[in-house]
PDB file of N, CA and C in Angstrom:
ATOM      1  N   MET A   1      91.602  99.619 111.922  1.00  0.00           N
ATOM      2  CA  MET A   1      92.675  99.857 110.991  1.00  0.00           C
ATOM      3  C   MET A   1      93.097 101.307 111.130  1.00  0.00           C
ATOM      4  N   ILE A   2      94.387 101.554 111.248  1.00  0.00           N
ATOM      5  CA  ILE A   2      94.918 102.896 111.408  1.00  0.00           C
ATOM      6  C   ILE A   2      95.573 103.310 110.099  1.00  0.00           C
ATOM      7  N   THR A   3      95.286 104.524 109.670  1.00  0.00           N
ATOM      8  CA  THR A   3      95.949 105.048 108.479  1.00  0.00           C
ATOM      9  C   THR A   3      96.706 106.302 108.872  1.00  0.00           C
ATOM     10  N   ARG A   4      97.800 106.534 108.165  1.00  0.00           N
ATOM     11  CA  ARG A   4      98.590 107.727 108.428  1.00  0.00           C
ATOM     12  C   ARG A   4      97.814 108.935 107.941  1.00  0.00           C
ATOM     13  N   GLN A   5      97.777 109.960 108.766  1.00  0.00           N
ATOM     14  CA  GLN A   5      97.067 111.159 108.387  1.00  0.00           C
ATOM     15  C   GLN A   5      97.895 112.345 108.824  1.00  0.00           C
ATOM     16  N   SER A   6      98.238 113.194 107.882  1.00  0.00           N
ATOM     17  CA  SER A   6      99.013 114.375 108.173  1.00  0.00           C
ATOM     18  C   SER A   6      98.103 115.459 108.717  1.00  0.00           C
ATOM     19  N   SER A   7      98.567 116.172 109.722  1.00  0.00           N
ATOM     20  CA  SER A   7      97.757 117.254 110.258  1.00  0.00           C
ATOM     21  C   SER A   7      97.801 118.458 109.334  1.00  0.00           C
ATOM     22  N   ALA A   8      98.702 118.454 108.340  1.00  0.00           N
ATOM     23  CA  ALA A   8      98.827 119.578 107.421  1.00  0.00           C
ATOM     24  C   ALA A   8      97.687 119.637 106.407  1.00  0.00           C
ATOM     25  N   ARG A   9      97.040 118.516 106.126  1.00  0.00           N
ATOM     26  CA  ARG A   9      95.934 118.538 105.161  1.00  0.00           C
ATOM     27  C   ARG A   9      94.670 118.005 105.818  1.00  0.00           C
ATOM     28  N   PRO A  10      93.547 118.603 105.476  1.00  0.00           N
ATOM     29  CA  PRO A  10      92.294 118.157 106.089  1.00  0.00           C
ATOM     30  C   PRO A  10      91.899 116.772 105.603  1.00  0.00           C
ATOM     31  N   ALA A  11      91.110 116.094 106.401  1.00  0.00           N
ATOM     32  CA  ALA A  11      90.612 114.771 106.028  1.00  0.00           C
ATOM     33  C   ALA A  11      89.571 114.942 104.922  1.00  0.00           C
ATOM     34  N   PRO A  12      89.877 114.493 103.688  1.00  0.00           N
ATOM     35  CA  PRO A  12      88.951 114.712 102.580  1.00  0.00           C
ATOM     36  C   PRO A  12      87.664 113.897 102.675  1.00  0.00           C
ATOM     37  N   CYS A  13      87.625 112.879 103.520  1.00  0.00           N
ATOM     38  CA  CYS A  13      86.437 112.037 103.599  1.00  0.00           C
ATOM     39  C   CYS A  13      85.459 112.485 104.672  1.00  0.00           C
ATOM     40  N   ALA A  14      85.828 113.471 105.441  1.00  0.00           N
ATOM     41  CA  ALA A  14      84.931 113.965 106.478  1.00  0.00           C
ATOM     42  C   ALA A  14      83.821 114.759 105.805  1.00  0.00           C
ATOM     43  N   SER A  15      82.706 114.119 105.612  1.00  0.00           N
ATOM     44  CA  SER A  15      81.581 114.735 104.917  1.00  0.00           C
ATOM     45  C   SER A  15      80.372 114.772 105.842  1.00  0.00           C
ATOM     46  N   PRO A  16      79.813 115.967 106.076  1.00  0.00           N
ATOM     47  CA  PRO A  16      78.659 116.050 106.961  1.00  0.00           C
ATOM     48  C   PRO A  16      77.372 115.556 106.309  1.00  0.00           C
ATOM     49  N   GLY A  17      77.379 115.416 104.990  1.00  0.00           N
ATOM     50  CA  GLY A  17      76.179 115.019 104.262  1.00  0.00           C
ATOM     51  C   GLY A  17      76.040 113.520 104.119  1.00  0.00           C
ATOM     52  N   PRO A  18      75.262 113.120 103.124  1.00  0.00           N
ATOM     53  CA  PRO A  18      75.031 111.687 102.876  1.00  0.00           C
ATOM     54  C   PRO A  18      76.311 110.983 102.442  1.00  0.00           C
ATOM     55  N   PRO A  19      76.318 109.653 102.484  1.00  0.00           N
ATOM     56  CA  PRO A  19      77.514 108.897 102.101  1.00  0.00           C
ATOM     57  C   PRO A  19      77.984 109.260 100.696  1.00  0.00           C
ATOM     58  N   LEU A  20      79.293 109.192 100.514  1.00  0.00           N
ATOM     59  CA  LEU A  20      79.905 109.498  99.230  1.00  0.00           C
ATOM     60  C   LEU A  20      79.725 108.343  98.250  1.00  0.00           C
ATOM     61  N   ASP A  21      79.891 108.625  96.991  1.00  0.00           N
ATOM     62  CA  ASP A  21      79.970 107.603  95.954  1.00  0.00           C
ATOM     63  C   ASP A  21      81.092 106.634  96.320  1.00  0.00           C
ATOM     64  N   VAL A  22      80.951 105.365  95.992  1.00  0.00           N
ATOM     65  CA  VAL A  22      81.931 104.348  96.384  1.00  0.00           C
ATOM     66  C   VAL A  22      83.324 104.684  95.850  1.00  0.00           C
ATOM     67  N   VAL A  23      83.420 105.060  94.577  1.00  0.00           N
ATOM     68  CA  VAL A  23      84.735 105.381  94.004  1.00  0.00           C
ATOM     69  C   VAL A  23      85.315 106.606  94.702  1.00  0.00           C
ATOM     70  N   GLU A  24      84.493 107.600  94.962  1.00  0.00           N
ATOM     71  CA  GLU A  24      84.955 108.800  95.658  1.00  0.00           C
ATOM     72  C   GLU A  24      85.409 108.453  97.084  1.00  0.00           C
ATOM     73  N   TRP A  25      84.670 107.575  97.746  1.00  0.00           N
ATOM     74  CA  TRP A  25      85.043 107.148  99.093  1.00  0.00           C
ATOM     75  C   TRP A  25      86.385 106.426  99.081  1.00  0.00           C
ATOM     76  N   ARG A  26      86.563 105.515  98.108  1.00  0.00           N
ATOM     77  CA  ARG A  26      87.830 104.795  97.995  1.00  0.00           C
ATOM     78  C   ARG A  26      88.977 105.769  97.734  1.00  0.00           C
ATOM     79  N   LEU A  27      88.740 106.749  96.868  1.00  0.00           N
ATOM     80  CA  LEU A  27      89.752 107.759  96.571  1.00  0.00           C
ATOM     81  C   LEU A  27      90.123 108.519  97.846  1.00  0.00           C
ATOM     82  N   CYS A  28      89.133 108.908  98.603  1.00  0.00           N
ATOM     83  CA  CYS A  28      89.386 109.621  99.860  1.00  0.00           C
ATOM     84  C   CYS A  28      90.217 108.781 100.819  1.00  0.00           C
ATOM     85  N   ARG A  29      89.868 107.524 100.976  1.00  0.00           N
ATOM     86  CA  ARG A  29      90.600 106.644 101.897  1.00  0.00           C
ATOM     87  C   ARG A  29      92.060 106.479 101.458  1.00  0.00           C
ATOM     88  N   LEU A  30      92.267 106.332 100.146  1.00  0.00           N
ATOM     89  CA  LEU A  30      93.637 106.186  99.632  1.00  0.00           C
ATOM     90  C   LEU A  30      94.441 107.462  99.837  1.00  0.00           C
ATOM     91  N   ARG A  31      93.841 108.606  99.580  1.00  0.00           N
ATOM     92  CA  ARG A  31      94.534 109.885  99.775  1.00  0.00           C
ATOM     93  C   ARG A  31      94.865 110.089 101.251  1.00  0.00           C
ATOM     94  N   GLU A  32      93.938 109.744 102.136  1.00  0.00           N
ATOM     95  CA  GLU A  32      94.192 109.853 103.574  1.00  0.00           C
ATOM     96  C   GLU A  32      95.377 108.990 103.998  1.00  0.00           C
ATOM     97  N   ALA A  33      95.546 107.857 103.343  1.00  0.00           N
ATOM     98  CA  ALA A  33      96.625 106.928 103.685  1.00  0.00           C
ATOM     99  C   ALA A  33      97.964 107.333 103.073  1.00  0.00           C
ATOM    100  N   GLY A  34      97.970 108.402 102.257  1.00  0.00           N
ATOM    101  CA  GLY A  34      99.227 108.899 101.713  1.00  0.00           C
ATOM    102  C   GLY A  34      99.509 108.524 100.273  1.00  0.00           C
ATOM    103  N   PHE A  35      98.538 107.945  99.578  1.00  0.00           N
ATOM    104  CA  PHE A  35      98.746 107.609  98.170  1.00  0.00           C
ATOM    105  C   PHE A  35      98.773 108.884  97.346  1.00  0.00           C
ATOM    106  N   PRO A  36      99.703 108.990  96.371  1.00  0.00           N
ATOM    107  CA  PRO A  36      99.714 110.147  95.480  1.00  0.00           C
ATOM    108  C   PRO A  36      98.379 110.242  94.723  1.00  0.00           C
ATOM    109  N   ALA A  37      97.980 111.450  94.354  1.00  0.00           N
ATOM    110  CA  ALA A  37      96.675 111.685  93.735  1.00  0.00           C
ATOM    111  C   ALA A  37      96.432 110.817  92.499  1.00  0.00           C
ATOM    112  N   ALA A  38      97.395 110.766  91.592  1.00  0.00           N
ATOM    113  CA  ALA A  38      97.204 110.001  90.346  1.00  0.00           C
ATOM    114  C   ALA A  38      97.042 108.507  90.636  1.00  0.00           C
ATOM    115  N   LEU A  39      97.863 107.979  91.529  1.00  0.00           N
ATOM    116  CA  LEU A  39      97.776 106.558  91.871  1.00  0.00           C
ATOM    117  C   LEU A  39      96.467 106.256  92.593  1.00  0.00           C
ATOM    118  N   ALA A  40      96.084 107.127  93.517  1.00  0.00           N
ATOM    119  CA  ALA A  40      94.831 106.936  94.254  1.00  0.00           C
ATOM    120  C   ALA A  40      93.638 106.950  93.307  1.00  0.00           C
ATOM    121  N   THR A  41      93.641 107.864  92.347  1.00  0.00           N
ATOM    122  CA  THR A  41      92.548 107.951  91.377  1.00  0.00           C
ATOM    123  C   THR A  41      92.446 106.673  90.564  1.00  0.00           C
ATOM    124  N   SER A  42      93.589 106.161  90.129  1.00  0.00           N
ATOM    125  CA  SER A  42      93.609 104.932  89.340  1.00  0.00           C
ATOM    126  C   SER A  42      93.127 103.739  90.163  1.00  0.00           C
ATOM    127  N   LEU A  43      93.639 103.600  91.377  1.00  0.00           N
ATOM    128  CA  LEU A  43      93.281 102.462  92.225  1.00  0.00           C
ATOM    129  C   LEU A  43      91.827 102.508  92.686  1.00  0.00           C
ATOM    130  N   ALA A  44      91.296 103.696  92.886  1.00  0.00           N
ATOM    131  CA  ALA A  44      89.917 103.831  93.362  1.00  0.00           C
ATOM    132  C   ALA A  44      88.925 103.233  92.379  1.00  0.00           C
ATOM    133  N   ARG A  45      89.283 103.197  91.103  1.00  0.00           N
ATOM    134  CA  ARG A  45      88.384 102.693  90.062  1.00  0.00           C
ATOM    135  C   ARG A  45      88.600 101.208  89.749  1.00  0.00           C
ATOM    136  N   LYS A  46      89.653 100.626  90.312  1.00  0.00           N
ATOM    137  CA  LYS A  46      89.976  99.224  90.023  1.00  0.00           C
ATOM    138  C   LYS A  46      89.407  98.298  91.078  1.00  0.00           C
ATOM    139  N   ARG A  47      89.273  97.023  90.702  1.00  0.00           N
ATOM    140  CA  ARG A  47      88.809  95.996  91.644  1.00  0.00           C
ATOM    141  C   ARG A  47      90.007  95.455  92.408  1.00  0.00           C
ATOM    142  N   ILE A  48      90.519  96.281  93.296  1.00  0.00           N
ATOM    143  CA  ILE A  48      91.652  95.923  94.147  1.00  0.00           C
ATOM    144  C   ILE A  48      91.168  95.981  95.585  1.00  0.00           C
ATOM    145  N   ASP A  49      91.654  95.079  96.409  1.00  0.00           N
ATOM    146  CA  ASP A  49      91.263  95.015  97.814  1.00  0.00           C
ATOM    147  C   ASP A  49      91.797  96.239  98.558  1.00  0.00           C
ATOM    148  N   LEU A  50      90.933  97.207  98.771  1.00  0.00           N
ATOM    149  CA  LEU A  50      91.305  98.455  99.427  1.00  0.00           C
ATOM    150  C   LEU A  50      91.837  98.209 100.836  1.00  0.00           C
ATOM    151  N   HIS A  51      91.191  97.314 101.565  1.00  0.00           N
ATOM    152  CA  HIS A  51      91.608  97.043 102.937  1.00  0.00           C
ATOM    153  C   HIS A  51      93.008  96.446 102.981  1.00  0.00           C
ATOM    154  N   ALA A  52      93.333  95.578 102.037  1.00  0.00           N
ATOM    155  CA  ALA A  52      94.672  95.004 101.982  1.00  0.00           C
ATOM    156  C   ALA A  52      95.707  96.081 101.657  1.00  0.00           C
ATOM    157  N   LEU A  53      95.372  96.997 100.747  1.00  0.00           N
ATOM    158  CA  LEU A  53      96.272  98.109 100.424  1.00  0.00           C
ATOM    159  C   LEU A  53      96.559  98.936 101.671  1.00  0.00           C
ATOM    160  N   LEU A  54      95.501  99.283 102.396  1.00  0.00           N
ATOM    161  CA  LEU A  54      95.664 100.107 103.590  1.00  0.00           C
ATOM    162  C   LEU A  54      96.437  99.375 104.684  1.00  0.00           C
ATOM    163  N   GLU A  55      96.237  98.067 104.793  1.00  0.00           N
ATOM    164  CA  GLU A  55      96.985  97.281 105.783  1.00  0.00           C
ATOM    165  C   GLU A  55      98.479  97.278 105.460  1.00  0.00           C
ATOM    166  N   LEU A  56      98.814  97.140 104.179  1.00  0.00           N
ATOM    167  CA  LEU A  56     100.226  97.168 103.783  1.00  0.00           C
ATOM    168  C   LEU A  56     100.852  98.514 104.123  1.00  0.00           C
ATOM    169  N   VAL A  57     100.145  99.598 103.819  1.00  0.00           N
ATOM    170  CA  VAL A  57     100.659 100.942 104.111  1.00  0.00           C
ATOM    171  C   VAL A  57     100.775 101.148 105.623  1.00  0.00           C
ATOM    172  N   ASP A  58      99.786 100.678 106.368  1.00  0.00           N
ATOM    173  CA  ASP A  58      99.837 100.783 107.831  1.00  0.00           C
ATOM    174  C   ASP A  58     101.043 100.035 108.397  1.00  0.00           C
ATOM    175  N   ALA A  59     101.451  98.970 107.717  1.00  0.00           N
ATOM    176  CA  ALA A  59     102.593  98.173 108.166  1.00  0.00           C
ATOM    177  C   ALA A  59     103.929  98.776 107.723  1.00  0.00           C
ATOM    178  N   GLY A  60     103.877  99.924 107.021  1.00  0.00           N
ATOM    179  CA  GLY A  60     105.106 100.604 106.624  1.00  0.00           C
ATOM    180  C   GLY A  60     105.484 100.462 105.170  1.00  0.00           C
ATOM    181  N   CYS A  61     104.678  99.781 104.385  1.00  0.00           N
ATOM    182  CA  CYS A  61     104.953  99.602 102.963  1.00  0.00           C
ATOM    183  C   CYS A  61     104.651 100.923 102.227  1.00  0.00           C
ATOM    184  N   PRO A  62     105.560 101.394 101.368  1.00  0.00           N
ATOM    185  CA  PRO A  62     105.267 102.600 100.600  1.00  0.00           C
ATOM    186  C   PRO A  62     104.030 102.373  99.718  1.00  0.00           C
ATOM    187  N   PRO A  63     103.181 103.397  99.552  1.00  0.00           N
ATOM    188  CA  PRO A  63     101.957 103.244  98.763  1.00  0.00           C
ATOM    189  C   PRO A  63     102.182 102.676  97.357  1.00  0.00           C
ATOM    190  N   GLU A  64     103.231 103.130  96.681  1.00  0.00           N
ATOM    191  CA  GLU A  64     103.491 102.649  95.314  1.00  0.00           C
ATOM    192  C   GLU A  64     103.800 101.159  95.306  1.00  0.00           C
ATOM    193  N   LEU A  65     104.558 100.689  96.302  1.00  0.00           N
ATOM    194  CA  LEU A  65     104.884  99.268  96.379  1.00  0.00           C
ATOM    195  C   LEU A  65     103.653  98.452  96.757  1.00  0.00           C
ATOM    196  N   ALA A  66     102.845  98.951  97.672  1.00  0.00           N
ATOM    197  CA  ALA A  66     101.614  98.252  98.052  1.00  0.00           C
ATOM    198  C   ALA A  66     100.707  98.072  96.834  1.00  0.00           C
ATOM    199  N   ALA A  67     100.601  99.120  96.020  1.00  0.00           N
ATOM    200  CA  ALA A  67      99.775  99.039  94.807  1.00  0.00           C
ATOM    201  C   ALA A  67     100.333  97.999  93.846  1.00  0.00           C
ATOM    202  N   ARG A  68     101.644  97.953  93.718  1.00  0.00           N
ATOM    203  CA  ARG A  68     102.264  96.981  92.806  1.00  0.00           C
ATOM    204  C   ARG A  68     102.065  95.550  93.314  1.00  0.00           C
ATOM    205  N   ILE A  69     102.179  95.348  94.600  1.00  0.00           N
ATOM    206  CA  ILE A  69     102.011  94.014  95.184  1.00  0.00           C
ATOM    207  C   ILE A  69     100.609  93.484  94.926  1.00  0.00           C
ATOM    208  N   LEU A  70      99.608  94.338  95.043  1.00  0.00           N
ATOM    209  CA  LEU A  70      98.223  93.893  94.924  1.00  0.00           C
ATOM    210  C   LEU A  70      97.614  94.077  93.544  1.00  0.00           C
ATOM    211  N   SER A  71      98.372  94.621  92.586  1.00  0.00           N
ATOM    212  CA  SER A  71      97.842  94.797  91.236  1.00  0.00           C
ATOM    213  C   SER A  71      97.755  93.463  90.519  1.00  0.00           C
ATOM    214  N   PRO A  72      96.692  93.282  89.723  1.00  0.00           N
ATOM    215  CA  PRO A  72      96.613  92.068  88.904  1.00  0.00           C
ATOM    216  C   PRO A  72      97.821  91.979  87.985  1.00  0.00           C
ATOM    217  N   PHE A  73      98.271  90.777  87.718  1.00  0.00           N
ATOM    218  CA  PHE A  73      99.476  90.548  86.924  1.00  0.00           C
ATOM    219  C   PHE A  73      99.440  91.289  85.598  1.00  0.00           C
ATOM    220  N   GLU A  74      98.289  91.284  84.919  1.00  0.00           N
ATOM    221  CA  GLU A  74      98.209  91.913  83.598  1.00  0.00           C
ATOM    222  C   GLU A  74      98.307  93.433  83.652  1.00  0.00           C
ATOM    223  N   ASP A  75      98.150  94.041  84.830  1.00  0.00           N
ATOM    224  CA  ASP A  75      98.262  95.492  84.971  1.00  0.00           C
ATOM    225  C   ASP A  75      99.697  95.959  85.163  1.00  0.00           C
ATOM    226  N   LEU A  76     100.609  95.040  85.442  1.00  0.00           N
ATOM    227  CA  LEU A  76     101.982  95.422  85.740  1.00  0.00           C
ATOM    228  C   LEU A  76     102.757  95.714  84.469  1.00  0.00           C
ATOM    229  N   ALA A  77     103.557  96.751  84.535  1.00  0.00           N
ATOM    230  CA  ALA A  77     104.447  97.072  83.421  1.00  0.00           C
ATOM    231  C   ALA A  77     105.560  96.031  83.391  1.00  0.00           C
ATOM    232  N   PRO A  78     106.036  95.685  82.196  1.00  0.00           N
ATOM    233  CA  PRO A  78     107.117  94.696  82.121  1.00  0.00           C
ATOM    234  C   PRO A  78     108.367  95.212  82.824  1.00  0.00           C
ATOM    235  N   LEU A  79     109.061  94.306  83.478  1.00  0.00           N
ATOM    236  CA  LEU A  79     110.271  94.672  84.201  1.00  0.00           C
ATOM    237  C   LEU A  79     111.507  94.621  83.309  1.00  0.00           C
ATOM    238  N   GLY A  80     111.357  94.163  82.097  1.00  0.00           N
ATOM    239  CA  GLY A  80     112.507  94.038  81.211  1.00  0.00           C
ATOM    240  C   GLY A  80     113.085  92.638  81.301  1.00  0.00           C
ATOM    241  N   ASP A  81     114.083  92.379  80.507  1.00  0.00           N
ATOM    242  CA  ASP A  81     114.702  91.058  80.481  1.00  0.00           C
ATOM    243  C   ASP A  81     115.726  90.976  81.599  1.00  0.00           C
ATOM    244  N   VAL A  82     115.361  90.287  82.664  1.00  0.00           N
ATOM    245  CA  VAL A  82     116.280  90.132  83.792  1.00  0.00           C
ATOM    246  C   VAL A  82     116.983  88.782  83.752  1.00  0.00           C
ATOM    247  N   GLY A  83     116.576  87.921  82.827  1.00  0.00           N
ATOM    248  CA  GLY A  83     117.255  86.646  82.658  1.00  0.00           C
ATOM    249  C   GLY A  83     116.991  85.643  83.764  1.00  0.00           C
ATOM    250  N   THR A  84     115.915  85.813  84.528  1.00  0.00           N
ATOM    251  CA  THR A  84     115.643  84.888  85.630  1.00  0.00           C
ATOM    252  C   THR A  84     114.242  84.296  85.538  1.00  0.00           C
ATOM    253  N   ALA A  85     113.747  84.156  84.338  1.00  0.00           N
ATOM    254  CA  ALA A  85     112.401  83.584  84.183  1.00  0.00           C
ATOM    255  C   ALA A  85     112.390  82.149  84.672  1.00  0.00           C
ATOM    256  N   GLY A  86     111.354  81.812  85.387  1.00  0.00           N
ATOM    257  CA  GLY A  86     111.235  80.464  85.918  1.00  0.00           C
ATOM    258  C   GLY A  86     110.610  79.535  84.903  1.00  0.00           C
ATOM    259  N   PRO A  87     110.389  78.286  85.270  1.00  0.00           N
ATOM    260  CA  PRO A  87     109.787  77.317  84.348  1.00  0.00           C
ATOM    261  C   PRO A  87     108.409  77.762  83.908  1.00  0.00           C
ATOM    262  N   GLY A  88     108.166  77.684  82.625  1.00  0.00           N
ATOM    263  CA  GLY A  88     106.869  78.023  82.065  1.00  0.00           C
ATOM    264  C   GLY A  88     106.654  79.504  81.869  1.00  0.00           C
ATOM    265  N   LEU A  89     107.637  80.319  82.210  1.00  0.00           N
ATOM    266  CA  LEU A  89     107.534  81.760  82.009  1.00  0.00           C
ATOM    267  C   LEU A  89     108.343  82.168  80.802  1.00  0.00           C
ATOM    268  N   PRO A  90     107.846  83.120  80.043  1.00  0.00           N
ATOM    269  CA  PRO A  90     108.591  83.563  78.847  1.00  0.00           C
ATOM    270  C   PRO A  90     109.857  84.295  79.212  1.00  0.00           C
TER     271      PRO A  90
END
């Protein structure tokens, strides 16, 4: 899996010591892939498929959209009344 990495900032996950905490590791991977700090921090603590997020970003999907696509339904902010609710939807 290839992630976008800017040469302007160092790789935050390159650690010479023992393995990082899982949440810290996830945060590092998200930041390396270009996720904004606040979004990466939030996603690192959630039960979201990190590999799927990174695959979407690798395929050209903006990080914010990738997070929205893979977020559980109850985590999404309401989109407002668009008048196109399907059957069984409020």
